[in-house]
Amino acid sequence: MTGGDESRWDVRVEERAVVVELPRRLVFDDGASGRLADAVDAAVARGGVERVVVQVRVEHPLSAALHDALVRSARAAAARGVTDWRVGAAHERKATAVARAIPAVETTVVADEHQPRTRAV
């Protein structure tokens, strides 16, 4: 799947957290990068959000477009006062790679794709 099909990834608000799920077999292009960043920004803009939780199931290394989406999302969220990000993946190296892509925010890495979600809400 190419193009970062929005039907494949999910951004939603659960209580006081924006939850971003990046599923398996997801491949991002530049257009999808902007759409994901916009979706995260819109969710944070609703107000009352304390953190962003990213659940990474993407098998591939981080593409430049996915990296860009995460950086843009983090900057937009930080501008709105949200600096608590939690990243979970089945493998800690993947979660750490995602966390390194997120600038200037406090990031918690969990080597379990489900744990950050349950801790966030």
PDB file of N, CA and C in Angstrom:
ATOM      1  N   MET A   1       0.844  -1.170   0.000  1.00  0.00           N
ATOM      2  CA  MET A   1       0.000   0.000   0.000  1.00  0.00           C
ATOM      3  C   MET A   1       0.887   1.229   0.000  1.00  0.00           C
ATOM      4  N   THR A   2       0.652   2.126  -0.903  1.00  0.00           N
ATOM      5  CA  THR A   2       1.413   3.368  -0.936  1.00  0.00           C
ATOM      6  C   THR A   2       0.461   4.536  -0.754  1.00  0.00           C
ATOM      7  N   GLY A   3       1.045   5.677  -0.575  1.00  0.00           N
ATOM      8  CA  GLY A   3       0.234   6.876  -0.468  1.00  0.00           C
ATOM      9  C   GLY A   3      -0.217   7.188   0.936  1.00  0.00           C
ATOM     10  N   GLY A   4       0.082   6.304   1.888  1.00  0.00           N
ATOM     11  CA  GLY A   4      -0.311   6.586   3.263  1.00  0.00           C
ATOM     12  C   GLY A   4      -1.810   6.649   3.428  1.00  0.00           C
ATOM     13  N   ASP A   5      -2.522   5.817   2.704  1.00  0.00           N
ATOM     14  CA  ASP A   5      -3.975   5.761   2.714  1.00  0.00           C
ATOM     15  C   ASP A   5      -4.529   5.974   4.123  1.00  0.00           C
ATOM     16  N   GLU A   6      -5.271   7.070   4.306  1.00  0.00           N
ATOM     17  CA  GLU A   6      -5.805   7.414   5.627  1.00  0.00           C
ATOM     18  C   GLU A   6      -6.703   6.337   6.211  1.00  0.00           C
ATOM     19  N   SER A   7      -7.287   5.492   5.376  1.00  0.00           N
ATOM     20  CA  SER A   7      -8.109   4.416   5.913  1.00  0.00           C
ATOM     21  C   SER A   7      -7.247   3.379   6.615  1.00  0.00           C
ATOM     22  N   ARG A   8      -5.947   3.444   6.429  1.00  0.00           N
ATOM     23  CA  ARG A   8      -5.029   2.485   7.033  1.00  0.00           C
ATOM     24  C   ARG A   8      -4.457   2.970   8.364  1.00  0.00           C
ATOM     25  N   TRP A   9      -4.365   4.273   8.575  1.00  0.00           N
ATOM     26  CA  TRP A   9      -3.895   4.752   9.865  1.00  0.00           C
ATOM     27  C   TRP A   9      -5.034   5.438  10.591  1.00  0.00           C
ATOM     28  N   ASP A  10      -4.888   5.560  11.901  1.00  0.00           N
ATOM     29  CA  ASP A  10      -5.981   6.085  12.705  1.00  0.00           C
ATOM     30  C   ASP A  10      -5.451   7.134  13.668  1.00  0.00           C
ATOM     31  N   VAL A  11      -6.143   8.253  13.731  1.00  0.00           N
ATOM     32  CA  VAL A  11      -5.861   9.306  14.716  1.00  0.00           C
ATOM     33  C   VAL A  11      -7.189   9.610  15.389  1.00  0.00           C
ATOM     34  N   ARG A  12      -7.215   9.460  16.714  1.00  0.00           N
ATOM     35  CA  ARG A  12      -8.458   9.708  17.441  1.00  0.00           C
ATOM     36  C   ARG A  12      -8.134  10.241  18.838  1.00  0.00           C
ATOM     37  N   VAL A  13      -9.141  10.817  19.477  1.00  0.00           N
ATOM     38  CA  VAL A  13      -8.989  11.293  20.840  1.00  0.00           C
ATOM     39  C   VAL A  13      -9.708  10.318  21.755  1.00  0.00           C
ATOM     40  N   GLU A  14      -8.990   9.828  22.751  1.00  0.00           N
ATOM     41  CA  GLU A  14      -9.564   8.975  23.791  1.00  0.00           C
ATOM     42  C   GLU A  14      -9.289   9.662  25.110  1.00  0.00           C
ATOM     43  N   GLU A  15     -10.344  10.110  25.733  1.00  0.00           N
ATOM     44  CA  GLU A  15     -10.247  10.876  26.964  1.00  0.00           C
ATOM     45  C   GLU A  15      -9.303  12.049  26.758  1.00  0.00           C
ATOM     46  N   ARG A  16      -8.145  12.076  27.383  1.00  0.00           N
ATOM     47  CA  ARG A  16      -7.254  13.232  27.294  1.00  0.00           C
ATOM     48  C   ARG A  16      -6.011  12.950  26.457  1.00  0.00           C
ATOM     49  N   ALA A  17      -6.107  11.926  25.595  1.00  0.00           N
ATOM     50  CA  ALA A  17      -4.952  11.552  24.768  1.00  0.00           C
ATOM     51  C   ALA A  17      -5.339  11.461  23.296  1.00  0.00           C
ATOM     52  N   VAL A  18      -4.431  11.932  22.445  1.00  0.00           N
ATOM     53  CA  VAL A  18      -4.561  11.676  21.013  1.00  0.00           C
ATOM     54  C   VAL A  18      -3.830  10.370  20.755  1.00  0.00           C
ATOM     55  N   VAL A  19      -4.530   9.409  20.183  1.00  0.00           N
ATOM     56  CA  VAL A  19      -3.953   8.099  19.885  1.00  0.00           C
ATOM     57  C   VAL A  19      -3.729   8.018  18.379  1.00  0.00           C
ATOM     58  N   VAL A  20      -2.488   7.722  17.998  1.00  0.00           N
ATOM     59  CA  VAL A  20      -2.110   7.586  16.590  1.00  0.00           C
ATOM     60  C   VAL A  20      -1.691   6.137  16.384  1.00  0.00           C
ATOM     61  N   GLU A  21      -2.400   5.414  15.523  1.00  0.00           N
ATOM     62  CA  GLU A  21      -2.048   4.028  15.228  1.00  0.00           C
ATOM     63  C   GLU A  21      -1.513   3.934  13.801  1.00  0.00           C
ATOM     64  N   LEU A  22      -0.306   3.404  13.684  1.00  0.00           N
ATOM     65  CA  LEU A  22       0.353   3.226  12.388  1.00  0.00           C
ATOM     66  C   LEU A  22       0.444   1.722  12.129  1.00  0.00           C
ATOM     67  N   PRO A  23      -0.418   1.182  11.249  1.00  0.00           N
ATOM     68  CA  PRO A  23      -0.524  -0.268  11.081  1.00  0.00           C
ATOM     69  C   PRO A  23       0.579  -0.874  10.222  1.00  0.00           C
ATOM     70  N   ARG A  24       0.598  -2.182  10.218  1.00  0.00           N
ATOM     71  CA  ARG A  24       1.526  -2.935   9.363  1.00  0.00           C
ATOM     72  C   ARG A  24       1.260  -2.602   7.894  1.00  0.00           C
ATOM     73  N   ARG A  25       2.296  -2.765   7.117  1.00  0.00           N
ATOM     74  CA  ARG A  25       2.239  -2.584   5.654  1.00  0.00           C
ATOM     75  C   ARG A  25       1.856  -1.170   5.225  1.00  0.00           C
ATOM     76  N   LEU A  26       2.100  -0.212   6.090  1.00  0.00           N
ATOM     77  CA  LEU A  26       1.819   1.176   5.762  1.00  0.00           C
ATOM     78  C   LEU A  26       3.066   1.806   5.173  1.00  0.00           C
ATOM     79  N   VAL A  27       2.925   2.394   4.006  1.00  0.00           N
ATOM     80  CA  VAL A  27       4.037   3.085   3.358  1.00  0.00           C
ATOM     81  C   VAL A  27       3.600   4.532   3.147  1.00  0.00           C
ATOM     82  N   PHE A  28       4.406   5.451   3.625  1.00  0.00           N
ATOM     83  CA  PHE A  28       4.083   6.869   3.541  1.00  0.00           C
ATOM     84  C   PHE A  28       4.753   7.526   2.354  1.00  0.00           C
ATOM     85  N   ASP A  29       4.024   8.486   1.747  1.00  0.00           N
ATOM     86  CA  ASP A  29       4.634   9.374   0.764  1.00  0.00           C
ATOM     87  C   ASP A  29       4.539  10.791   1.327  1.00  0.00           C
ATOM     88  N   ASP A  30       5.022  11.769   0.586  1.00  0.00           N
ATOM     89  CA  ASP A  30       5.042  13.147   1.091  1.00  0.00           C
ATOM     90  C   ASP A  30       3.648  13.693   1.366  1.00  0.00           C
ATOM     91  N   GLY A  31       2.676  13.358   0.518  1.00  0.00           N
ATOM     92  CA  GLY A  31       1.307  13.836   0.730  1.00  0.00           C
ATOM     93  C   GLY A  31       0.711  13.273   2.003  1.00  0.00           C
ATOM     94  N   ALA A  32       0.962  12.000   2.266  1.00  0.00           N
ATOM     95  CA  ALA A  32       0.445  11.367   3.472  1.00  0.00           C
ATOM     96  C   ALA A  32       1.067  11.980   4.711  1.00  0.00           C
ATOM     97  N   SER A  33       2.312  12.403   4.609  1.00  0.00           N
ATOM     98  CA  SER A  33       2.996  13.041   5.730  1.00  0.00           C
ATOM     99  C   SER A  33       2.218  14.268   6.198  1.00  0.00           C
ATOM    100  N   GLY A  34       1.851  15.108   5.273  1.00  0.00           N
ATOM    101  CA  GLY A  34       1.086  16.308   5.609  1.00  0.00           C
ATOM    102  C   GLY A  34      -0.288  15.987   6.151  1.00  0.00           C
ATOM    103  N   ARG A  35      -0.944  14.977   5.585  1.00  0.00           N
ATOM    104  CA  ARG A  35      -2.278  14.612   6.051  1.00  0.00           C
ATOM    105  C   ARG A  35      -2.245  14.052   7.468  1.00  0.00           C
ATOM    106  N   LEU A  36      -1.237  13.248   7.789  1.00  0.00           N
ATOM    107  CA  LEU A  36      -1.141  12.717   9.143  1.00  0.00           C
ATOM    108  C   LEU A  36      -0.843  13.844  10.130  1.00  0.00           C
ATOM    109  N   ALA A  37       0.099  14.708   9.795  1.00  0.00           N
ATOM    110  CA  ALA A  37       0.425  15.837  10.680  1.00  0.00           C
ATOM    111  C   ALA A  37      -0.805  16.715  10.896  1.00  0.00           C
ATOM    112  N   ASP A  38      -1.566  16.962   9.847  1.00  0.00           N
ATOM    113  CA  ASP A  38      -2.789  17.763   9.975  1.00  0.00           C
ATOM    114  C   ASP A  38      -3.819  17.073  10.862  1.00  0.00           C
ATOM    115  N   ALA A  39      -3.937  15.756  10.744  1.00  0.00           N
ATOM    116  CA  ALA A  39      -4.901  15.007  11.554  1.00  0.00           C
ATOM    117  C   ALA A  39      -4.534  15.055  13.031  1.00  0.00           C
ATOM    118  N   VAL A  40      -3.249  14.929  13.332  1.00  0.00           N
ATOM    119  CA  VAL A  40      -2.803  15.014  14.727  1.00  0.00           C
ATOM    120  C   VAL A  40      -3.035  16.424  15.251  1.00  0.00           C
ATOM    121  N   ASP A  41      -2.697  17.431  14.467  1.00  0.00           N
ATOM    122  CA  ASP A  41      -2.889  18.819  14.890  1.00  0.00           C
ATOM    123  C   ASP A  41      -4.370  19.103  15.150  1.00  0.00           C
ATOM    124  N   ALA A  42      -5.251  18.629  14.274  1.00  0.00           N
ATOM    125  CA  ALA A  42      -6.688  18.852  14.456  1.00  0.00           C
ATOM    126  C   ALA A  42      -7.191  18.170  15.725  1.00  0.00           C
ATOM    127  N   ALA A  43      -6.687  16.984  16.018  1.00  0.00           N
ATOM    128  CA  ALA A  43      -7.101  16.270  17.227  1.00  0.00           C
ATOM    129  C   ALA A  43      -6.625  17.004  18.475  1.00  0.00           C
ATOM    130  N   VAL A  44      -5.386  17.499  18.455  1.00  0.00           N
ATOM    131  CA  VAL A  44      -4.854  18.239  19.600  1.00  0.00           C
ATOM    132  C   VAL A  44      -5.613  19.557  19.761  1.00  0.00           C
ATOM    133  N   ALA A  45      -5.990  20.174  18.650  1.00  0.00           N
ATOM    134  CA  ALA A  45      -6.664  21.471  18.680  1.00  0.00           C
ATOM    135  C   ALA A  45      -8.043  21.412  19.339  1.00  0.00           C
ATOM    136  N   ARG A  46      -8.601  20.237  19.462  1.00  0.00           N
ATOM    137  CA  ARG A  46      -9.914  20.118  20.117  1.00  0.00           C
ATOM    138  C   ARG A  46      -9.862  20.571  21.570  1.00  0.00           C
ATOM    139  N   GLY A  47      -8.660  20.557  22.124  1.00  0.00           N
ATOM    140  CA  GLY A  47      -8.486  21.022  23.500  1.00  0.00           C
ATOM    141  C   GLY A  47      -8.611  19.899  24.511  1.00  0.00           C
ATOM    142  N   GLY A  48      -8.046  20.142  25.680  1.00  0.00           N
ATOM    143  CA  GLY A  48      -8.122  19.168  26.759  1.00  0.00           C
ATOM    144  C   GLY A  48      -7.207  17.974  26.598  1.00  0.00           C
ATOM    145  N   VAL A  49      -6.339  17.997  25.605  1.00  0.00           N
ATOM    146  CA  VAL A  49      -5.430  16.882  25.349  1.00  0.00           C
ATOM    147  C   VAL A  49      -4.158  17.076  26.173  1.00  0.00           C
ATOM    148  N   GLU A  50      -3.739  16.016  26.850  1.00  0.00           N
ATOM    149  CA  GLU A  50      -2.537  16.079  27.674  1.00  0.00           C
ATOM    150  C   GLU A  50      -1.344  15.371  27.054  1.00  0.00           C
ATOM    151  N   ARG A  51      -1.605  14.425  26.150  1.00  0.00           N
ATOM    152  CA  ARG A  51      -0.492  13.654  25.586  1.00  0.00           C
ATOM    153  C   ARG A  51      -0.877  13.100  24.216  1.00  0.00           C
ATOM    154  N   VAL A  52       0.152  12.665  23.512  1.00  0.00           N
ATOM    155  CA  VAL A  52      -0.031  11.963  22.238  1.00  0.00           C
ATOM    156  C   VAL A  52       0.586  10.583  22.418  1.00  0.00           C
ATOM    157  N   VAL A  53      -0.147   9.565  22.011  1.00  0.00           N
ATOM    158  CA  VAL A  53       0.314   8.188  22.092  1.00  0.00           C
ATOM    159  C   VAL A  53       0.428   7.658  20.669  1.00  0.00           C
ATOM    160  N   VAL A  54       1.628   7.199  20.294  1.00  0.00           N
ATOM    161  CA  VAL A  54       1.852   6.655  18.955  1.00  0.00           C
ATOM    162  C   VAL A  54       2.081   5.156  19.093  1.00  0.00           C
ATOM    163  N   GLN A  55       1.234   4.364  18.444  1.00  0.00           N
ATOM    164  CA  GLN A  55       1.379   2.923  18.436  1.00  0.00           C
ATOM    165  C   GLN A  55       1.912   2.530  17.058  1.00  0.00           C
ATOM    166  N   VAL A  56       3.126   2.007  17.039  1.00  0.00           N
ATOM    167  CA  VAL A  56       3.816   1.722  15.787  1.00  0.00           C
ATOM    168  C   VAL A  56       3.774   0.223  15.500  1.00  0.00           C
ATOM    169  N   ARG A  57       3.153  -0.112  14.392  1.00  0.00           N
ATOM    170  CA  ARG A  57       3.165  -1.496  13.933  1.00  0.00           C
ATOM    171  C   ARG A  57       3.839  -1.601  12.559  1.00  0.00           C
ATOM    172  N   VAL A  58       4.260  -0.461  12.016  1.00  0.00           N
ATOM    173  CA  VAL A  58       4.910  -0.410  10.702  1.00  0.00           C
ATOM    174  C   VAL A  58       6.165  -1.277  10.745  1.00  0.00           C
ATOM    175  N   GLU A  59       6.290  -2.206   9.769  1.00  0.00           N
ATOM    176  CA  GLU A  59       7.447  -3.100   9.767  1.00  0.00           C
ATOM    177  C   GLU A  59       8.693  -2.437   9.208  1.00  0.00           C
ATOM    178  N   HIS A  60       8.507  -1.566   8.249  1.00  0.00           N
ATOM    179  CA  HIS A  60       9.627  -0.983   7.524  1.00  0.00           C
ATOM    180  C   HIS A  60      10.365   0.035   8.393  1.00  0.00           C
ATOM    181  N   PRO A  61      11.614   0.290   8.060  1.00  0.00           N
ATOM    182  CA  PRO A  61      12.298   1.392   8.746  1.00  0.00           C
ATOM    183  C   PRO A  61      11.511   2.677   8.500  1.00  0.00           C
ATOM    184  N   LEU A  62      11.713   3.638   9.352  1.00  0.00           N
ATOM    185  CA  LEU A  62      11.003   4.900   9.179  1.00  0.00           C
ATOM    186  C   LEU A  62      11.390   5.551   7.862  1.00  0.00           C
ATOM    187  N   SER A  63      10.398   5.843   7.060  1.00  0.00           N
ATOM    188  CA  SER A  63      10.661   6.547   5.816  1.00  0.00           C
ATOM    189  C   SER A  63      10.843   8.024   6.126  1.00  0.00           C
ATOM    190  N   ALA A  64      11.419   8.747   5.198  1.00  0.00           N
ATOM    191  CA  ALA A  64      11.595  10.188   5.377  1.00  0.00           C
ATOM    192  C   ALA A  64      10.234  10.870   5.536  1.00  0.00           C
ATOM    193  N   ALA A  65       9.222  10.390   4.813  1.00  0.00           N
ATOM    194  CA  ALA A  65       7.892  10.993   4.892  1.00  0.00           C
ATOM    195  C   ALA A  65       7.242  10.740   6.251  1.00  0.00           C
ATOM    196  N   LEU A  66       7.396   9.535   6.799  1.00  0.00           N
ATOM    197  CA  LEU A  66       6.838   9.251   8.119  1.00  0.00           C
ATOM    198  C   LEU A  66       7.588  10.046   9.187  1.00  0.00           C
ATOM    199  N   HIS A  67       8.896  10.113   9.060  1.00  0.00           N
ATOM    200  CA  HIS A  67       9.711  10.929   9.973  1.00  0.00           C
ATOM    201  C   HIS A  67       9.220  12.368   9.946  1.00  0.00           C
ATOM    202  N   ASP A  68       9.004  12.910   8.758  1.00  0.00           N
ATOM    203  CA  ASP A  68       8.532  14.288   8.612  1.00  0.00           C
ATOM    204  C   ASP A  68       7.171  14.471   9.281  1.00  0.00           C
ATOM    205  N   ALA A  69       6.269  13.514   9.113  1.00  0.00           N
ATOM    206  CA  ALA A  69       4.940  13.608   9.734  1.00  0.00           C
ATOM    207  C   ALA A  69       5.052  13.665  11.245  1.00  0.00           C
ATOM    208  N   LEU A  70       5.927  12.839  11.820  1.00  0.00           N
ATOM    209  CA  LEU A  70       6.093  12.827  13.271  1.00  0.00           C
ATOM    210  C   LEU A  70       6.693  14.134  13.776  1.00  0.00           C
ATOM    211  N   VAL A  71       7.689  14.647  13.070  1.00  0.00           N
ATOM    212  CA  VAL A  71       8.315  15.913  13.463  1.00  0.00           C
ATOM    213  C   VAL A  71       7.296  17.049  13.395  1.00  0.00           C
ATOM    214  N   ARG A  72       6.567  17.117  12.299  1.00  0.00           N
ATOM    215  CA  ARG A  72       5.568  18.178  12.142  1.00  0.00           C
ATOM    216  C   ARG A  72       4.476  18.067  13.199  1.00  0.00           C
ATOM    217  N   SER A  73       4.040  16.842  13.478  1.00  0.00           N
ATOM    218  CA  SER A  73       3.002  16.623  14.491  1.00  0.00           C
ATOM    219  C   SER A  73       3.486  17.050  15.868  1.00  0.00           C
ATOM    220  N   ALA A  74       4.712  16.673  16.205  1.00  0.00           N
ATOM    221  CA  ALA A  74       5.259  17.016  17.522  1.00  0.00           C
ATOM    222  C   ALA A  74       5.396  18.523  17.681  1.00  0.00           C
ATOM    223  N   ARG A  75       5.870  19.184  16.659  1.00  0.00           N
ATOM    224  CA  ARG A  75       6.022  20.641  16.737  1.00  0.00           C
ATOM    225  C   ARG A  75       4.674  21.334  16.884  1.00  0.00           C
ATOM    226  N   ALA A  76       3.683  20.876  16.115  1.00  0.00           N
ATOM    227  CA  ALA A  76       2.349  21.483  16.208  1.00  0.00           C
ATOM    228  C   ALA A  76       1.728  21.229  17.579  1.00  0.00           C
ATOM    229  N   ALA A  77       1.877  20.009  18.092  1.00  0.00           N
ATOM    230  CA  ALA A  77       1.325  19.690  19.415  1.00  0.00           C
ATOM    231  C   ALA A  77       2.031  20.501  20.493  1.00  0.00           C
ATOM    232  N   ALA A  78       3.351  20.615  20.404  1.00  0.00           N
ATOM    233  CA  ALA A  78       4.109  21.383  21.385  1.00  0.00           C
ATOM    234  C   ALA A  78       3.687  22.849  21.362  1.00  0.00           C
ATOM    235  N   ALA A  79       3.397  23.369  20.178  1.00  0.00           N
ATOM    236  CA  ALA A  79       2.948  24.754  20.072  1.00  0.00           C
ATOM    237  C   ALA A  79       1.611  24.957  20.779  1.00  0.00           C
ATOM    238  N   ARG A  80       0.849  23.874  20.919  1.00  0.00           N
ATOM    239  CA  ARG A  80      -0.439  23.935  21.620  1.00  0.00           C
ATOM    240  C   ARG A  80      -0.305  23.485  23.077  1.00  0.00           C
ATOM    241  N   GLY A  81       0.932  23.261  23.526  1.00  0.00           N
ATOM    242  CA  GLY A  81       1.169  22.929  24.917  1.00  0.00           C
ATOM    243  C   GLY A  81       1.243  21.453  25.252  1.00  0.00           C
ATOM    244  N   VAL A  82       1.167  20.585  24.252  1.00  0.00           N
ATOM    245  CA  VAL A  82       1.221  19.139  24.496  1.00  0.00           C
ATOM    246  C   VAL A  82       2.641  18.659  24.219  1.00  0.00           C
ATOM    247  N   THR A  83       3.355  18.300  25.285  1.00  0.00           N
ATOM    248  CA  THR A  83       4.747  17.867  25.123  1.00  0.00           C
ATOM    249  C   THR A  83       4.992  16.458  25.644  1.00  0.00           C
ATOM    250  N   ASP A  84       3.940  15.754  26.053  1.00  0.00           N
ATOM    251  CA  ASP A  84       4.066  14.383  26.546  1.00  0.00           C
ATOM    252  C   ASP A  84       3.691  13.430  25.415  1.00  0.00           C
ATOM    253  N   TRP A  85       4.692  12.719  24.900  1.00  0.00           N
ATOM    254  CA  TRP A  85       4.474  11.732  23.839  1.00  0.00           C
ATOM    255  C   TRP A  85       4.861  10.362  24.366  1.00  0.00           C
ATOM    256  N   ARG A  86       4.075   9.370  24.028  1.00  0.00           N
ATOM    257  CA  ARG A  86       4.381   7.981  24.397  1.00  0.00           C
ATOM    258  C   ARG A  86       4.380   7.163  23.122  1.00  0.00           C
ATOM    259  N   VAL A  87       5.438   6.395  22.951  1.00  0.00           N
ATOM    260  CA  VAL A  87       5.604   5.601  21.738  1.00  0.00           C
ATOM    261  C   VAL A  87       5.709   4.141  22.133  1.00  0.00           C
ATOM    262  N   GLY A  88       4.892   3.311  21.511  1.00  0.00           N
ATOM    263  CA  GLY A  88       4.957   1.885  21.776  1.00  0.00           C
ATOM    264  C   GLY A  88       5.082   1.106  20.488  1.00  0.00           C
ATOM    265  N   ALA A  89       5.874   0.057  20.532  1.00  0.00           N
ATOM    266  CA  ALA A  89       6.050  -0.824  19.386  1.00  0.00           C
ATOM    267  C   ALA A  89       6.380  -2.204  19.921  1.00  0.00           C
ATOM    268  N   ALA A  90       6.164  -3.203  19.098  1.00  0.00           N
ATOM    269  CA  ALA A  90       6.449  -4.570  19.525  1.00  0.00           C
ATOM    270  C   ALA A  90       7.940  -4.746  19.825  1.00  0.00           C
ATOM    271  N   HIS A  91       8.779  -3.960  19.177  1.00  0.00           N
ATOM    272  CA  HIS A  91      10.226  -4.032  19.390  1.00  0.00           C
ATOM    273  C   HIS A  91      10.718  -2.676  19.875  1.00  0.00           C
ATOM    274  N   GLU A  92      11.457  -2.672  20.962  1.00  0.00           N
ATOM    275  CA  GLU A  92      11.913  -1.424  21.559  1.00  0.00           C
ATOM    276  C   GLU A  92      12.742  -0.591  20.590  1.00  0.00           C
ATOM    277  N   ARG A  93      13.533  -1.247  19.722  1.00  0.00           N
ATOM    278  CA  ARG A  93      14.338  -0.481  18.753  1.00  0.00           C
ATOM    279  C   ARG A  93      13.456   0.351  17.840  1.00  0.00           C
ATOM    280  N   LYS A  94      12.330  -0.212  17.423  1.00  0.00           N
ATOM    281  CA  LYS A  94      11.415   0.532  16.553  1.00  0.00           C
ATOM    282  C   LYS A  94      10.830   1.719  17.314  1.00  0.00           C
ATOM    283  N   ALA A  95      10.404   1.500  18.555  1.00  0.00           N
ATOM    284  CA  ALA A  95       9.843   2.587  19.356  1.00  0.00           C
ATOM    285  C   ALA A  95      10.892   3.672  19.594  1.00  0.00           C
ATOM    286  N   THR A  96      12.129   3.262  19.850  1.00  0.00           N
ATOM    287  CA  THR A  96      13.206   4.222  20.069  1.00  0.00           C
ATOM    288  C   THR A  96      13.483   5.022  18.806  1.00  0.00           C
ATOM    289  N   ALA A  97      13.447   4.367  17.651  1.00  0.00           N
ATOM    290  CA  ALA A  97      13.655   5.079  16.381  1.00  0.00           C
ATOM    291  C   ALA A  97      12.567   6.121  16.170  1.00  0.00           C
ATOM    292  N   VAL A  98      11.329   5.775  16.504  1.00  0.00           N
ATOM    293  CA  VAL A  98      10.239   6.733  16.373  1.00  0.00           C
ATOM    294  C   VAL A  98      10.443   7.877  17.360  1.00  0.00           C
ATOM    295  N   ALA A  99      10.796   7.545  18.596  1.00  0.00           N
ATOM    296  CA  ALA A  99      10.988   8.573  19.622  1.00  0.00           C
ATOM    297  C   ALA A  99      12.081   9.562  19.233  1.00  0.00           C
ATOM    298  N   ARG A 100      13.141   9.064  18.600  1.00  0.00           N
ATOM    299  CA  ARG A 100      14.222   9.964  18.174  1.00  0.00           C
ATOM    300  C   ARG A 100      13.762  10.932  17.106  1.00  0.00           C
ATOM    301  N   ALA A 101      12.701  10.569  16.377  1.00  0.00           N
ATOM    302  CA  ALA A 101      12.187  11.441  15.321  1.00  0.00           C
ATOM    303  C   ALA A 101      11.355  12.581  15.882  1.00  0.00           C
ATOM    304  N   ILE A 102      11.012  12.504  17.160  1.00  0.00           N
ATOM    305  CA  ILE A 102      10.118  13.491  17.759  1.00  0.00           C
ATOM    306  C   ILE A 102      10.951  14.511  18.528  1.00  0.00           C
ATOM    307  N   PRO A 103      11.069  15.726  18.005  1.00  0.00           N
ATOM    308  CA  PRO A 103      11.960  16.726  18.607  1.00  0.00           C
ATOM    309  C   PRO A 103      11.320  17.506  19.751  1.00  0.00           C
ATOM    310  N   ALA A 104      12.118  17.839  20.714  1.00  0.00           N
ATOM    311  CA  ALA A 104      11.762  18.832  21.732  1.00  0.00           C
ATOM    312  C   ALA A 104      10.514  18.520  22.533  1.00  0.00           C
ATOM    313  N   VAL A 105      10.216  17.244  22.697  1.00  0.00           N
ATOM    314  CA  VAL A 105       9.124  16.867  23.582  1.00  0.00           C
ATOM    315  C   VAL A 105       9.597  15.714  24.448  1.00  0.00           C
ATOM    316  N   GLU A 106       8.968  15.544  25.593  1.00  0.00           N
ATOM    317  CA  GLU A 106       9.320  14.430  26.456  1.00  0.00           C
ATOM    318  C   GLU A 106       8.673  13.173  25.894  1.00  0.00           C
ATOM    319  N   THR A 107       9.498  12.176  25.628  1.00  0.00           N
ATOM    320  CA  THR A 107       9.002  10.963  24.983  1.00  0.00           C
ATOM    321  C   THR A 107       9.294   9.751  25.852  1.00  0.00           C
ATOM    322  N   THR A 108       8.276   8.947  26.086  1.00  0.00           N
ATOM    323  CA  THR A 108       8.415   7.696  26.807  1.00  0.00           C
ATOM    324  C   THR A 108       8.358   6.573  25.791  1.00  0.00           C
ATOM    325  N   VAL A 109       9.317   5.650  25.855  1.00  0.00           N
ATOM    326  CA  VAL A 109       9.367   4.522  24.925  1.00  0.00           C
ATOM    327  C   VAL A 109       8.970   3.260  25.670  1.00  0.00           C
ATOM    328  N   VAL A 110       8.072   2.486  25.072  1.00  0.00           N
ATOM    329  CA  VAL A 110       7.615   1.246  25.670  1.00  0.00           C
ATOM    330  C   VAL A 110       7.716   0.145  24.624  1.00  0.00           C
ATOM    331  N   ALA A 111       8.364  -0.952  24.975  1.00  0.00           N
ATOM    332  CA  ALA A 111       8.527  -2.054  24.029  1.00  0.00           C
ATOM    333  C   ALA A 111       7.299  -2.954  24.044  1.00  0.00           C
ATOM    334  N   ASP A 112       6.152  -2.352  23.941  1.00  0.00           N
ATOM    335  CA  ASP A 112       4.879  -3.064  23.899  1.00  0.00           C
ATOM    336  C   ASP A 112       3.906  -2.114  23.228  1.00  0.00           C
ATOM    337  N   GLU A 113       3.349  -2.515  22.103  1.00  0.00           N
ATOM    338  CA  GLU A 113       2.510  -1.588  21.367  1.00  0.00           C
ATOM    339  C   GLU A 113       1.193  -1.273  22.064  1.00  0.00           C
ATOM    340  N   HIS A 114       0.805  -2.037  23.071  1.00  0.00           N
ATOM    341  CA  HIS A 114      -0.459  -1.800  23.760  1.00  0.00           C
ATOM    342  C   HIS A 114      -0.288  -1.021  25.075  1.00  0.00           C
ATOM    343  N   GLN A 115       0.832  -1.149  25.742  1.00  0.00           N
ATOM    344  CA  GLN A 115       1.021  -0.537  27.053  1.00  0.00           C
ATOM    345  C   GLN A 115       0.900   0.985  27.050  1.00  0.00           C
ATOM    346  N   PRO A 116       1.491   1.715  26.102  1.00  0.00           N
ATOM    347  CA  PRO A 116       1.381   3.181  26.206  1.00  0.00           C
ATOM    348  C   PRO A 116      -0.063   3.649  26.085  1.00  0.00           C
ATOM    349  N   ARG A 117      -0.864   2.935  25.336  1.00  0.00           N
ATOM    350  CA  ARG A 117      -2.257   3.311  25.168  1.00  0.00           C
ATOM    351  C   ARG A 117      -2.999   3.154  26.484  1.00  0.00           C
ATOM    352  N   THR A 118      -2.796   2.036  27.162  1.00  0.00           N
ATOM    353  CA  THR A 118      -3.509   1.813  28.409  1.00  0.00           C
ATOM    354  C   THR A 118      -3.014   2.759  29.493  1.00  0.00           C
ATOM    355  N   ARG A 119      -1.750   3.139  29.463  1.00  0.00           N
ATOM    356  CA  ARG A 119      -1.228   4.080  30.448  1.00  0.00           C
ATOM    357  C   ARG A 119      -1.663   5.503  30.146  1.00  0.00           C
ATOM    358  N   ALA A 120      -2.043   5.757  28.904  1.00  0.00           N
ATOM    359  CA  ALA A 120      -2.339   7.136  28.518  1.00  0.00           C
ATOM    360  C   ALA A 120      -3.748   7.571  28.883  1.00  0.00           C
ATOM    361  N   VAL A 121      -4.652   6.645  28.968  1.00  0.00           N
ATOM    362  CA  VAL A 121      -6.042   7.042  29.205  1.00  0.00           C
ATOM    363  C   VAL A 121      -6.470   6.695  30.605  1.00  0.00           C
TER     364      VAL A 121
END
